[in-house]
Amino acid sequence: MPITANNPDRKSWLEISQNSDFPIQNIPFGVFLTKENVVTVGSRIGDFAIDLGALQQLGYFDGIELTDDVFMQDTLNDFISDGKKTWRLVRNRIADIFDAENAKLRDNKSHRDVVIFKMEDVEMQLPVFIGDYTDFYSSREHATNVGKMFRDPANALLPNWLHIPVGYHGRSSTIVPSGIPVHRPMGQTLPNGETQPVFGPSRLVDFELETAFITTDANVMGENIPIEAAEEYIFGMVLLNDWSARDIQKWEYVPLGPFLAKNFASSISPWIVTMDALEPFRCASPKQDDPKPLPYLQQKGDHAFDINLEVAIAPENVEESIVSKSNLKYMYWTMSQQLAHHTINGCRINSGDMMGSGTISGATEDSFGSMLELTWGGQKPITMKDGSERKFINDGDTVIIRGFCQNKDIRIGFGEVSSKLLPPIPTK
C-alpha cells in the first residue's frame, strides 16, 4: 500500500509556517485534553491539534475498518494494536482530508469547530499506556566515553558490547510527557575517598539525549521476532530525556546495572512520529564488520534514520544555551536489531511498549549526549548565557531536547521534550 501522505508536493488548507515540525507530510499521533476537559486521540498539522474522535464520528474515516471508540480513548494503545495497514490507511486519509484541494472539511465550519483546536488551547497527555520500558545502550561513542571514565581507558568497551545490543529494564511508572517537572532524587552515594555511603539528594543529576520507539503487539511468549520483520512492529518514535543521577549510579551499578539512578524520571515528547513519516530519512548505519553480529542480528539495506538532535539548558529567567548537537544515525545498533535481540529469548512485546535508544553521542565533543561526557565528569564546565557554569543540571534548570529530519523537500520534526528540574521532595 503506497504512503500517499508522504507526497512532498501536497499542501494543506490549514496555515502552516515554513519551518514547522508538523507539515501535512508528518501527521503524528498523540492524546490531548481540550478546554472542555475532553480527552481524545489526535493528530497535529502546523499549530493545530486535530480531534480524530470527532472526525470519526462525523464519518471522515468511513471505509476504514475501525472500532467505534478507537479514537475516543485516553491512550493510543488500541489504535496501535490495529497494525501497520490501519495506521497507514488512517494517516493517508488524514492527509487527504486536510489537502488544499479537498473542500469537504475545509468548507464546513460546523465540522471544523469540533475537529480543529489551536495548540495553545489543548493540554498534551502521555500518548500511550506504557506497560514495559526497556532502555538500550547502543551508542559506541557514548559507551566508549563512559568506559574511559569509569573503567579502563584502554579497554573502554566491555567484551559483550560489540556482540549484543545491551539494555536494561526501566520503570514505566515514572515516564512523563513534556512539560511535567522532575524532582531531584534522593539516594545513596559514596563520596570520593570514603568507604561508607551517605544518604541525601543526588548532586550529579544529568540528562540523557535519547529517542525511543513504540511497539505494537508483536509476538506471543516464547516466540521471537525475526530481524527482517522487526520494523513491521514499530509504530513510531518520540524524543526521550532519560534523566540520570550519576553519583547514585556510580555507587549502585555494580553488579546489576542501573536502578534508582535511572528510574526516578524519564521525559518524552508527546507526539509519536510514525515510521511511515520517517521513511524518506532512512540511511545507512555504521558498519558492523569487526566483529560481525551473529546471524539473527545481521541485516541488509538501510535501517538507520537521519534525525538531527539538539539539547538546550535554560536556567530560570535566562535565555537557553545549546549544549549538544547530535544525530540518531550515529547509533551502532539499529532499532530493528534492538527489537530482534529483545525477543530472541521469547520475551513478549505488547502494544505501547517503549524502547529507549540509549544516550546518543557522536564522535565530536559538541555531539556528546550527556553532561557526564560534555563536561567530562565535571572537569570542563559549560558556561550559560548569564555567565554561570554547569557541571551537571542545577535545580531550576529546564532541559529541552529537540529533533527533526530535513531534506530538500520537507522537514519532519518531533517538537520538543522540555522539563524543569525541581529541588528534592523531603523524605518522610
Protein backbone atom coordinates (compact mmCIF):
# COMPACT_ATOMS: atom_id res chain seq x y z
CA MET A 1 0.00 0.00 0.00
CA PRO A 2 1.54 3.36 -1.02
CA ILE A 3 2.25 6.04 1.60
CA THR A 4 0.34 8.84 -0.13
CA ALA A 5 0.59 11.06 2.97
CA ASN A 6 4.31 11.50 2.26
CA ASN A 7 3.81 13.27 -1.07
CA PRO A 8 6.23 16.23 -0.75
CA ASP A 9 4.14 18.32 -3.15
CA ARG A 10 1.00 18.09 -1.01
CA LYS A 11 -0.23 21.37 0.50
CA SER A 12 -2.79 21.89 3.25
CA TRP A 13 -5.65 24.35 3.53
CA LEU A 14 -4.50 24.93 7.11
CA GLU A 15 -1.92 27.69 7.55
CA ILE A 16 1.48 26.11 8.36
CA SER A 17 4.70 28.03 8.94
CA GLN A 18 7.57 27.20 6.60
CA ASN A 19 9.83 25.71 9.29
CA SER A 20 7.13 23.85 11.18
CA ASP A 21 7.99 20.41 12.54
CA PHE A 22 4.46 19.35 11.63
CA PRO A 23 3.72 19.85 7.92
CA ILE A 24 0.92 17.85 6.33
CA GLN A 25 3.55 15.20 5.47
CA ASN A 26 4.13 14.46 9.16
CA ILE A 27 0.74 13.62 10.74
CA PRO A 28 1.92 12.32 14.13
CA PHE A 29 -0.37 10.78 16.74
CA GLY A 30 -0.93 11.80 20.34
CA VAL A 31 -3.52 12.34 23.07
CA PHE A 32 -4.73 15.73 24.27
CA LEU A 33 -7.14 17.32 26.71
CA THR A 34 -9.45 20.10 25.46
CA LYS A 35 -10.64 23.14 27.42
CA GLU A 36 -13.89 21.23 27.94
CA ASN A 37 -11.87 18.51 29.74
CA VAL A 38 -12.46 16.03 26.93
CA VAL A 39 -9.60 13.60 26.33
CA THR A 40 -9.18 12.49 22.73
CA VAL A 41 -6.74 10.80 20.40
CA GLY A 42 -5.45 13.35 17.94
CA SER A 43 -3.00 14.41 15.30
CA ARG A 44 -1.25 17.68 14.57
CA ILE A 45 -0.78 19.82 11.49
CA GLY A 46 1.17 23.04 11.96
CA ASP A 47 -0.02 24.68 15.16
CA PHE A 48 -3.38 22.91 15.09
CA ALA A 49 -4.45 19.82 17.03
CA ILE A 50 -6.87 17.54 15.18
CA ASP A 51 -9.54 15.63 17.11
CA LEU A 52 -9.61 12.21 15.45
CA GLY A 53 -12.54 11.07 17.59
CA ALA A 54 -14.67 13.91 16.20
CA LEU A 55 -13.51 13.16 12.66
CA GLN A 56 -14.55 9.54 13.05
CA GLN A 57 -17.97 10.42 14.49
CA LEU A 58 -18.57 12.74 11.55
CA GLY A 59 -17.85 9.93 9.08
CA TYR A 60 -14.49 11.05 7.73
CA PHE A 61 -12.95 7.60 8.25
CA ASP A 62 -15.77 5.67 6.56
CA GLY A 63 -14.41 2.70 4.63
CA ILE A 64 -11.57 2.08 7.10
CA GLU A 65 -12.20 -0.79 9.50
CA LEU A 66 -12.06 0.82 12.95
CA THR A 67 -13.89 0.17 16.19
CA ASP A 68 -16.38 2.91 17.06
CA ASP A 69 -14.41 4.22 20.03
CA VAL A 70 -10.80 3.70 18.90
CA PHE A 71 -10.13 7.47 18.87
CA MET A 72 -12.19 8.19 21.99
CA GLN A 73 -9.68 6.53 24.32
CA ASP A 74 -7.21 8.21 26.67
CA THR A 75 -4.30 6.31 25.07
CA LEU A 76 -3.23 5.20 21.59
CA ASN A 77 -2.80 1.55 22.59
CA ASP A 78 -5.94 0.22 20.88
CA PHE A 79 -5.17 2.06 17.64
CA ILE A 80 -1.57 0.84 17.71
CA SER A 81 -2.84 -2.74 18.17
CA ASP A 82 -4.71 -2.45 14.85
CA GLY A 83 -1.41 -2.81 12.98
CA LYS A 84 0.54 -1.16 10.20
CA LYS A 85 -2.10 -1.42 7.46
CA THR A 86 -4.61 0.52 9.59
CA TRP A 87 -2.01 3.12 10.68
CA ARG A 88 -1.19 3.80 7.04
CA LEU A 89 -4.84 3.96 5.91
CA VAL A 90 -5.71 6.44 8.67
CA ARG A 91 -2.65 8.60 8.09
CA ASN A 92 -3.28 8.68 4.33
CA ARG A 93 -6.92 9.63 4.95
CA ILE A 94 -5.97 12.49 7.31
CA ALA A 95 -3.62 13.83 4.64
CA ASP A 96 -6.47 13.72 2.11
CA ILE A 97 -8.93 15.45 4.48
CA PHE A 98 -6.57 18.38 5.01
CA ASP A 99 -5.28 18.54 1.43
CA ALA A 100 -5.61 22.00 -0.10
CA GLU A 101 -7.77 20.58 -2.90
CA ASN A 102 -10.27 18.85 -0.59
CA ALA A 103 -13.20 21.11 0.35
CA LYS A 104 -15.23 18.61 2.42
CA LEU A 105 -13.98 19.72 5.86
CA ARG A 106 -12.42 22.98 4.73
CA ASP A 107 -15.79 24.44 3.75
CA ASN A 108 -17.83 23.02 6.63
CA LYS A 109 -17.47 25.44 9.54
CA SER A 110 -19.61 23.45 11.98
CA HIS A 111 -17.39 20.40 11.47
CA ARG A 112 -14.18 22.42 11.69
CA ASP A 113 -15.28 23.91 15.01
CA VAL A 114 -15.38 20.47 16.69
CA VAL A 115 -12.39 18.94 14.88
CA ILE A 116 -9.67 21.61 14.93
CA PHE A 117 -8.11 23.23 18.01
CA LYS A 118 -5.25 25.68 18.41
CA MET A 119 -2.30 24.04 20.16
CA GLU A 120 -2.36 26.64 22.92
CA ASP A 121 -5.91 25.55 23.75
CA VAL A 122 -5.09 21.88 24.42
CA GLU A 123 -3.02 20.07 27.04
CA MET A 124 -0.89 17.19 25.80
CA GLN A 125 -1.05 13.89 27.67
CA LEU A 126 1.15 10.78 27.75
CA PRO A 127 0.30 9.27 24.34
CA VAL A 128 0.31 5.59 25.33
CA PHE A 129 -0.10 3.42 28.37
CA ILE A 130 3.47 2.13 28.65
CA GLY A 131 3.33 -1.33 30.15
CA ASP A 132 7.03 -2.04 29.77
CA TYR A 133 10.07 0.14 29.14
CA THR A 134 13.49 -1.04 28.03
CA ASP A 135 16.48 1.26 27.68
CA PHE A 136 19.32 0.24 25.39
CA TYR A 137 22.96 1.33 25.40
CA SER A 138 23.62 1.49 21.67
CA SER A 139 25.96 4.41 21.00
CA ARG A 140 29.53 3.19 20.60
CA GLU A 141 30.86 6.68 21.28
CA HIS A 142 28.84 7.05 24.48
CA ALA A 143 29.74 3.58 25.76
CA THR A 144 33.41 4.27 24.99
CA ASN A 145 33.35 7.61 26.80
CA VAL A 146 31.71 6.13 29.90
CA GLY A 147 34.13 3.19 29.83
CA LYS A 148 37.09 5.56 29.76
CA MET A 149 35.79 7.48 32.76
CA PHE A 150 34.51 4.63 34.92
CA ARG A 151 36.73 1.71 33.95
CA ASP A 152 39.90 1.08 31.91
CA PRO A 153 40.54 3.68 29.17
CA ALA A 154 42.49 1.08 27.19
CA ASN A 155 39.52 -1.33 27.29
CA ALA A 156 36.60 1.05 27.42
CA LEU A 157 34.03 -1.28 25.82
CA LEU A 158 33.04 -4.37 27.76
CA PRO A 159 33.63 -7.66 25.90
CA ASN A 160 29.95 -8.18 25.03
CA TRP A 161 29.21 -4.68 23.70
CA LEU A 162 30.03 -5.29 20.01
CA HIS A 163 28.10 -8.58 20.03
CA ILE A 164 24.72 -7.64 21.53
CA PRO A 165 22.51 -4.54 21.89
CA VAL A 166 22.99 -4.11 25.63
CA GLY A 167 19.91 -2.96 27.53
CA TYR A 168 18.13 -2.92 30.88
CA HIS A 169 14.52 -2.84 32.01
CA GLY A 170 13.41 0.59 33.15
CA ARG A 171 10.43 1.78 35.17
CA SER A 172 7.34 2.84 33.17
CA SER A 173 5.55 4.38 36.19
CA THR A 174 7.76 7.47 36.12
CA ILE A 175 7.63 8.22 32.39
CA VAL A 176 6.03 11.65 31.92
CA PRO A 177 5.21 13.88 28.93
CA SER A 178 6.97 17.11 28.10
CA GLY A 179 6.18 19.96 30.48
CA ILE A 180 5.95 17.88 33.66
CA PRO A 181 8.70 18.95 36.11
CA VAL A 182 11.07 16.42 37.66
CA HIS A 183 12.34 16.40 41.26
CA ARG A 184 15.98 15.85 42.14
CA PRO A 185 16.18 12.29 43.50
CA MET A 186 17.34 11.16 46.92
CA GLY A 187 19.57 8.15 47.36
CA GLN A 188 22.84 6.63 48.50
CA THR A 189 26.16 7.86 47.18
CA LEU A 190 29.79 7.13 48.04
CA PRO A 191 31.76 10.37 48.40
CA ASN A 192 35.25 10.38 46.91
CA GLY A 193 37.81 8.92 49.29
CA GLU A 194 35.18 7.43 51.63
CA THR A 195 34.45 3.78 52.37
CA GLN A 196 30.88 4.17 53.65
CA PRO A 197 27.91 5.58 51.70
CA VAL A 198 25.87 8.60 52.71
CA PHE A 199 22.20 9.40 52.08
CA GLY A 200 20.95 12.61 50.53
CA PRO A 201 19.96 14.36 47.29
CA SER A 202 21.91 13.48 44.16
CA ARG A 203 24.48 16.15 43.35
CA LEU A 204 25.10 14.97 39.79
CA VAL A 205 21.74 14.99 38.00
CA ASP A 206 22.18 14.61 34.26
CA PHE A 207 20.11 14.44 31.09
CA GLU A 208 20.48 11.70 28.51
CA LEU A 209 19.76 12.59 24.89
CA GLU A 210 17.73 9.70 23.51
CA THR A 211 14.95 8.73 21.17
CA ALA A 212 12.51 5.90 21.83
CA PHE A 213 10.30 3.72 19.67
CA ILE A 214 6.80 2.50 20.47
CA THR A 215 5.77 -1.04 19.54
CA THR A 216 2.57 -2.81 18.60
CA ASP A 217 1.58 -6.31 19.73
CA ALA A 218 4.36 -8.32 18.16
CA ASN A 219 4.54 -11.91 19.40
CA VAL A 220 3.38 -14.45 21.91
CA MET A 221 5.53 -15.58 24.80
CA GLY A 222 8.23 -17.95 23.55
CA GLU A 223 8.21 -16.59 20.01
CA ASN A 224 10.91 -14.30 18.62
CA ILE A 225 10.63 -11.53 16.03
CA PRO A 226 12.96 -12.11 13.05
CA ILE A 227 15.13 -9.12 12.27
CA GLU A 228 13.74 -8.80 8.75
CA ALA A 229 10.22 -8.37 10.21
CA ALA A 230 11.08 -6.17 13.20
CA GLU A 231 10.22 -2.82 11.62
CA GLU A 232 6.66 -4.02 10.92
CA TYR A 233 6.04 -3.88 14.66
CA ILE A 234 7.39 -0.38 15.31
CA PHE A 235 4.62 2.24 15.30
CA GLY A 236 6.72 5.35 15.65
CA MET A 237 9.20 7.38 17.66
CA VAL A 238 9.43 10.05 20.36
CA LEU A 239 12.21 12.11 21.89
CA LEU A 240 13.39 10.87 25.28
CA ASN A 241 15.25 12.53 28.12
CA ASP A 242 16.24 9.60 30.34
CA TRP A 243 17.20 11.55 33.46
CA SER A 244 20.14 10.11 35.38
CA ALA A 245 21.75 10.62 38.79
CA ARG A 246 25.41 9.92 38.13
CA ASP A 247 26.59 9.74 41.74
CA ILE A 248 23.83 7.31 42.70
CA GLN A 249 24.59 5.35 39.54
CA LYS A 250 28.30 5.06 40.30
CA TRP A 251 27.61 3.52 43.72
CA GLU A 252 24.85 1.12 42.69
CA TYR A 253 25.53 -0.04 39.13
CA VAL A 254 27.77 -2.99 40.08
CA PRO A 255 26.70 -5.77 39.89
CA LEU A 256 23.27 -5.41 38.27
CA GLY A 257 23.40 -2.08 36.46
CA PRO A 258 21.08 0.97 36.59
CA PHE A 259 18.38 1.13 39.25
CA LEU A 260 17.49 4.20 41.36
CA ALA A 261 19.83 6.39 39.32
CA LYS A 262 17.53 6.00 36.32
CA ASN A 263 14.02 5.11 37.44
CA PHE A 264 13.10 8.39 39.14
CA ALA A 265 12.06 10.08 35.87
CA SER A 266 12.05 9.77 32.09
CA SER A 267 10.50 12.52 29.94
CA ILE A 268 9.16 12.05 26.41
CA SER A 269 7.80 14.28 23.65
CA PRO A 270 4.01 13.96 23.35
CA TRP A 271 3.63 13.37 19.59
CA ILE A 272 4.57 9.96 18.18
CA VAL A 273 6.04 10.42 14.70
CA THR A 274 5.27 7.32 12.63
CA MET A 275 7.90 5.25 10.89
CA ASP A 276 6.00 5.94 7.65
CA ALA A 277 6.62 9.68 8.10
CA LEU A 278 10.31 9.00 8.74
CA GLU A 279 10.74 6.75 5.70
CA PRO A 280 12.29 9.48 3.48
CA PHE A 281 15.09 9.86 6.06
CA ARG A 282 16.24 6.26 6.16
CA CYS A 283 20.04 5.97 5.89
CA ALA A 284 22.95 3.57 6.34
CA SER A 285 24.10 2.76 9.85
CA PRO A 286 27.72 2.27 10.97
CA LYS A 287 29.44 -0.84 9.61
CA GLN A 288 29.45 -3.90 11.82
CA ASP A 289 32.32 -5.94 10.42
CA ASP A 290 34.70 -6.40 13.34
CA PRO A 291 33.18 -8.45 14.78
CA LYS A 292 30.22 -9.34 12.57
CA PRO A 293 26.99 -9.83 14.56
CA LEU A 294 25.58 -13.32 14.94
CA PRO A 295 23.16 -14.30 12.12
CA TYR A 296 19.97 -13.36 13.98
CA LEU A 297 21.25 -9.74 14.22
CA GLN A 298 22.52 -9.41 10.65
CA GLN A 299 20.54 -7.21 8.27
CA LYS A 300 20.84 -5.86 4.75
CA GLY A 301 19.91 -2.43 3.48
CA ASP A 302 19.49 0.86 5.30
CA HIS A 303 17.98 0.67 8.78
CA ALA A 304 19.19 3.85 10.47
CA PHE A 305 17.43 7.24 10.34
CA ASP A 306 18.90 10.71 9.82
CA ILE A 307 17.35 12.61 12.73
CA ASN A 308 19.03 15.84 13.86
CA LEU A 309 19.01 16.28 17.64
CA GLU A 310 19.92 19.12 19.97
CA VAL A 311 19.89 19.78 23.70
CA ALA A 312 19.48 23.16 25.38
CA ILE A 313 19.68 24.16 29.05
CA ALA A 314 17.65 27.16 30.23
CA PRO A 315 18.35 28.38 33.78
CA GLU A 316 15.45 30.23 35.43
CA ASN A 317 14.86 33.63 33.76
CA VAL A 318 17.86 33.11 31.45
CA GLU A 319 17.96 32.52 27.70
CA GLU A 320 18.68 28.91 26.79
CA SER A 321 22.13 27.69 25.77
CA ILE A 322 22.54 24.92 23.18
CA VAL A 323 24.94 22.41 24.72
CA SER A 324 24.81 19.49 22.26
CA LYS A 325 24.00 18.75 18.62
CA SER A 326 23.90 15.10 17.61
CA ASN A 327 22.15 12.67 15.25
CA LEU A 328 20.43 9.31 15.64
CA LYS A 329 22.32 7.95 12.62
CA TYR A 330 25.46 7.67 14.78
CA MET A 331 23.97 4.76 16.73
CA TYR A 332 25.82 1.45 16.34
CA TRP A 333 22.81 -0.82 16.91
CA THR A 334 19.60 -0.14 14.96
CA MET A 335 16.03 -0.25 16.27
CA SER A 336 15.32 -3.45 14.34
CA GLN A 337 18.39 -5.10 15.86
CA GLN A 338 17.28 -3.97 19.32
CA LEU A 339 13.81 -5.44 18.86
CA ALA A 340 15.09 -8.70 17.33
CA HIS A 341 17.53 -9.15 20.21
CA HIS A 342 14.91 -8.23 22.81
CA THR A 343 12.69 -11.11 21.64
CA ILE A 344 15.25 -13.77 20.70
CA ASN A 345 14.61 -15.42 24.07
CA GLY A 346 10.83 -15.35 23.59
CA CYS A 347 10.13 -12.14 25.52
CA ARG A 348 6.64 -10.88 24.70
CA ILE A 349 6.25 -7.37 23.25
CA ASN A 350 2.93 -5.53 23.63
CA SER A 351 1.19 -2.50 22.18
CA GLY A 352 2.57 0.64 23.82
CA ASP A 353 5.86 -0.83 24.99
CA MET A 354 8.68 1.72 24.79
CA MET A 355 12.29 1.06 23.82
CA GLY A 356 14.87 3.78 24.53
CA SER A 357 17.83 4.14 22.19
CA GLY A 358 20.36 4.80 24.91
CA THR A 359 22.34 8.04 25.04
CA ILE A 360 23.09 9.33 21.53
CA SER A 361 26.63 10.65 21.21
CA GLY A 362 28.66 11.46 18.14
CA ALA A 363 32.40 11.49 17.64
CA THR A 364 32.96 15.19 18.41
CA GLU A 365 32.78 16.80 21.85
CA ASP A 366 29.86 19.06 20.85
CA SER A 367 27.80 15.99 19.87
CA PHE A 368 28.01 14.16 23.20
CA GLY A 369 24.59 13.27 24.60
CA SER A 370 25.01 13.86 28.36
CA MET A 371 26.60 16.32 30.76
CA LEU A 372 28.76 13.46 32.02
CA GLU A 373 30.51 13.48 28.65
CA LEU A 374 30.16 17.16 27.72
CA THR A 375 31.91 18.26 30.93
CA TRP A 376 33.95 15.05 31.18
CA GLY A 377 32.70 14.22 34.64
CA GLY A 378 32.63 17.85 35.71
CA GLN A 379 36.22 18.69 34.72
CA LYS A 380 35.17 21.02 31.86
CA PRO A 381 32.17 23.13 32.98
CA ILE A 382 29.84 24.64 30.37
CA THR A 383 29.11 28.38 30.56
CA MET A 384 25.50 29.54 30.30
CA LYS A 385 24.30 32.80 28.70
CA ASP A 386 24.29 34.53 32.10
CA GLY A 387 27.91 33.55 32.79
CA SER A 388 27.06 30.82 35.29
CA GLU A 389 28.69 27.41 34.86
CA ARG A 390 27.21 23.93 34.73
CA LYS A 391 28.95 20.67 35.50
CA PHE A 392 25.60 18.93 35.80
CA ILE A 393 21.97 20.12 35.99
CA ASN A 394 21.02 22.66 38.70
CA ASP A 395 17.65 22.98 40.41
CA GLY A 396 15.57 25.41 38.37
CA ASP A 397 17.21 24.46 35.07
CA THR A 398 14.96 23.39 32.20
CA VAL A 399 16.38 20.81 29.80
CA ILE A 400 14.97 20.97 26.26
CA ILE A 401 15.56 18.29 23.62
CA ARG A 402 14.50 18.90 20.01
CA GLY A 403 14.65 16.68 16.97
CA PHE A 404 13.86 16.94 13.27
CA CYS A 405 14.65 15.47 9.86
CA GLN A 406 15.13 17.62 6.78
CA ASN A 407 15.87 17.10 3.10
CA LYS A 408 15.42 19.33 0.04
CA ASP A 409 11.67 18.67 0.02
CA ILE A 410 10.35 18.54 3.58
CA ARG A 411 11.07 18.90 7.29
CA ILE A 412 9.58 16.34 9.68
CA GLY A 413 10.03 17.10 13.38
CA PHE A 414 9.15 15.86 16.83
CA GLY A 415 8.64 19.20 18.54
CA GLU A 416 10.41 19.04 21.87
CA VAL A 417 10.59 17.40 25.25
CA SER A 418 11.08 20.08 27.88
CA SER A 419 11.25 19.51 31.62
CA LYS A 420 12.38 21.52 34.62
CA LEU A 421 14.43 20.11 37.48
CA LEU A 422 12.98 20.96 40.89
CA PRO A 423 14.53 20.51 44.37
CA PRO A 424 14.04 17.13 46.04
CA ILE A 425 10.88 16.27 47.93
CA PRO A 426 11.94 15.71 51.57
CA THR A 427 11.86 12.10 52.70
CA LYS A 428 9.16 11.10 55.17
